[in-house]
C-alpha atoms as a PDB file:
ATOM      1  CA  MET A   1      -1.264   9.305 -13.618  1.00  0.00           C
ATOM      2  CA  LYS A   2      -4.075   7.901 -11.562  1.00  0.00           C
ATOM      3  CA  VAL A   3      -4.979   4.265 -10.879  1.00  0.00           C
ATOM      4  CA  VAL A   4      -8.468   3.301  -9.738  1.00  0.00           C
ATOM      5  CA  VAL A   5      -9.817  -0.101  -8.673  1.00  0.00           C
ATOM      6  CA  ILE A   6     -13.511  -0.650  -9.397  1.00  0.00           C
ATOM      7  CA  TYR A   7     -15.140  -3.446  -7.434  1.00  0.00           C
ATOM      8  CA  LYS A   8     -18.219  -4.363  -5.455  1.00  0.00           C
ATOM      9  CA  GLU A   9     -17.573  -4.800  -1.739  1.00  0.00           C
ATOM     10  CA  GLU A  10     -20.287  -7.455  -1.414  1.00  0.00           C
ATOM     11  CA  SER A  11     -19.077  -9.868  -4.096  1.00  0.00           C
ATOM     12  CA  ASP A  12     -17.120 -13.046  -4.674  1.00  0.00           C
ATOM     13  CA  HIS A  13     -14.093 -11.096  -5.880  1.00  0.00           C
ATOM     14  CA  ALA A  14     -13.916  -8.612  -2.981  1.00  0.00           C
ATOM     15  CA  ARG A  15     -11.459 -10.658  -0.932  1.00  0.00           C
ATOM     16  CA  ALA A  16      -9.024 -10.985  -3.858  1.00  0.00           C
ATOM     17  CA  VAL A  17      -9.200  -7.226  -4.477  1.00  0.00           C
ATOM     18  CA  ILE A  18      -8.648  -6.357  -0.815  1.00  0.00           C
ATOM     19  CA  GLU A  19      -5.658  -8.691  -0.633  1.00  0.00           C
ATOM     20  CA  PHE A  20      -4.270  -7.206  -3.857  1.00  0.00           C
ATOM     21  CA  MET A  21      -4.596  -3.655  -2.494  1.00  0.00           C
ATOM     22  CA  ARG A  22      -3.029  -4.645   0.836  1.00  0.00           C
ATOM     23  CA  GLU A  23      -0.069  -6.287  -0.923  1.00  0.00           C
ATOM     24  CA  TYR A  24       0.220  -3.329  -3.311  1.00  0.00           C
ATOM     25  CA  GLU A  25       0.480  -0.918  -0.378  1.00  0.00           C
ATOM     26  CA  ARG A  26       2.998  -3.168   1.378  1.00  0.00           C
ATOM     27  CA  GLN A  27       5.246  -3.377  -1.692  1.00  0.00           C
ATOM     28  CA  THR A  28       4.947   0.196  -2.964  1.00  0.00           C
ATOM     29  CA  GLY A  29       3.996   2.286   0.053  1.00  0.00           C
ATOM     30  CA  ARG A  30       1.132   3.781  -1.973  1.00  0.00           C
ATOM     31  CA  THR A  31      -2.608   3.223  -1.716  1.00  0.00           C
ATOM     32  CA  LEU A  32      -4.990   2.772  -4.611  1.00  0.00           C
ATOM     33  CA  THR A  33      -8.238   4.670  -5.057  1.00  0.00           C
ATOM     34  CA  THR A  34     -11.371   2.517  -5.100  1.00  0.00           C
ATOM     35  CA  VAL A  35     -14.736   3.091  -6.726  1.00  0.00           C
ATOM     36  CA  ASP A  36     -18.009   1.356  -5.882  1.00  0.00           C
ATOM     37  CA  PRO A  37     -19.867   0.878  -9.182  1.00  0.00           C
ATOM     38  CA  GLU A  38     -23.196   0.869  -7.344  1.00  0.00           C
ATOM     39  CA  SER A  39     -22.791   4.398  -5.940  1.00  0.00           C
ATOM     40  CA  PRO A  40     -24.064   7.327  -8.066  1.00  0.00           C
ATOM     41  CA  ASP A  41     -20.531   8.685  -8.648  1.00  0.00           C
ATOM     42  CA  GLY A  42     -19.206   5.183  -9.276  1.00  0.00           C
ATOM     43  CA  ALA A  43     -21.941   4.426 -11.798  1.00  0.00           C
ATOM     44  CA  GLN A  44     -21.086   7.628 -13.686  1.00  0.00           C
ATOM     45  CA  PHE A  45     -17.374   6.745 -13.594  1.00  0.00           C
ATOM     46  CA  CYS A  46     -18.154   3.295 -15.031  1.00  0.00           C
ATOM     47  CA  ARG A  47     -20.294   4.781 -17.818  1.00  0.00           C
ATOM     48  CA  THR A  48     -17.525   7.234 -18.681  1.00  0.00           C
ATOM     49  CA  TYR A  49     -14.930   4.483 -19.133  1.00  0.00           C
ATOM     50  CA  ASP A  50     -17.353   1.733 -20.257  1.00  0.00           C
ATOM     51  CA  ILE A  51     -16.595  -0.504 -17.261  1.00  0.00           C
ATOM     52  CA  VAL A  52     -18.995  -3.456 -17.186  1.00  0.00           C
ATOM     53  CA  GLU A  53     -16.869  -6.168 -15.581  1.00  0.00           C
ATOM     54  CA  TYR A  54     -15.738  -6.224 -11.971  1.00  0.00           C
ATOM     55  CA  PRO A  55     -13.183  -6.019 -10.651  1.00  0.00           C
ATOM     56  CA  SER A  56     -11.474  -3.667 -13.057  1.00  0.00           C
ATOM     57  CA  VAL A  57      -8.321  -1.630 -12.641  1.00  0.00           C
ATOM     58  CA  ILE A  58      -8.016   1.510 -14.726  1.00  0.00           C
ATOM     59  CA  ALA A  59      -5.049   3.811 -15.278  1.00  0.00           C
ATOM     60  CA  THR A  60      -5.658   7.329 -16.579  1.00  0.00           C
ATOM     61  CA  ASP A  61      -3.427  10.320 -17.128  1.00  0.00           C
ATOM     62  CA  ASP A  62      -4.013  13.538 -15.186  1.00  0.00           C
ATOM     63  CA  SER A  63      -6.524  14.687 -17.816  1.00  0.00           C
ATOM     64  CA  GLY A  64      -8.589  11.517 -17.443  1.00  0.00           C
ATOM     65  CA  VAL A  65      -7.462   9.927 -20.716  1.00  0.00           C
ATOM     66  CA  LEU A  66      -7.447   6.131 -20.468  1.00  0.00           C
ATOM     67  CA  GLN A  67      -3.933   4.662 -20.453  1.00  0.00           C
ATOM     68  CA  ASN A  68      -4.628   1.023 -19.543  1.00  0.00           C
ATOM     69  CA  LEU A  69      -7.494  -1.156 -18.368  1.00  0.00           C
ATOM     70  CA  TRP A  70      -7.428  -4.568 -16.737  1.00  0.00           C
ATOM     71  CA  ARG A  71     -10.735  -6.408 -16.444  1.00  0.00           C
ATOM     72  CA  GLY A  72     -11.772  -9.263 -14.210  1.00  0.00           C
ATOM     73  CA  ILE A  73      -9.819 -11.956 -12.472  1.00  0.00           C
ATOM     74  CA  PRO A  74      -6.905 -12.548 -12.434  1.00  0.00           C
ATOM     75  CA  LEU A  75      -5.921  -9.087 -11.290  1.00  0.00           C
ATOM     76  CA  PRO A  76      -2.886  -7.480 -12.943  1.00  0.00           C
ATOM     77  CA  LEU A  77       0.589  -7.844 -11.520  1.00  0.00           C
ATOM     78  CA  ILE A  78       1.556  -5.273  -8.919  1.00  0.00           C
ATOM     79  CA  ASN A  79       4.496  -4.041 -11.004  1.00  0.00           C
ATOM     80  CA  GLU A  80       2.166  -3.449 -13.988  1.00  0.00           C
ATOM     81  CA  VAL A  81      -0.078  -1.228 -11.897  1.00  0.00           C
ATOM     82  CA  SER A  82       2.747   0.502 -10.047  1.00  0.00           C
ATOM     83  CA  PHE A  83       4.269   1.594 -13.368  1.00  0.00           C
ATOM     84  CA  TYR A  84       1.233   3.846 -13.939  1.00  0.00           C
ATOM     85  CA  ASP A  85       0.847   4.836 -10.301  1.00  0.00           C
ATOM     86  CA  ALA A  86       4.515   5.858 -10.031  1.00  0.00           C
ATOM     87  CA  ILE A  87       4.250   8.411 -12.850  1.00  0.00           C
ATOM     88  CA  ARG A  88       2.948  11.461 -11.006  1.00  0.00           C
END
């Protein structure tokens, strides 16, 4: 499984996302992958999974099949995300 956080660094929600990722790493010992939706690769990633709201957290299996998607604020609970991130 793979968990990705999609957010814009220069936005109102950036601080909440950064704090979430910091707390996630503190509690789980794992880091989350981030995607900037304004980069070329990030824009393609967002089109692929139809991401139009930021921040979003997406969990996919190893083949890229969507398993879960959380959109906007409030961010999901850390244990919800870690469930998908722990399955490797």
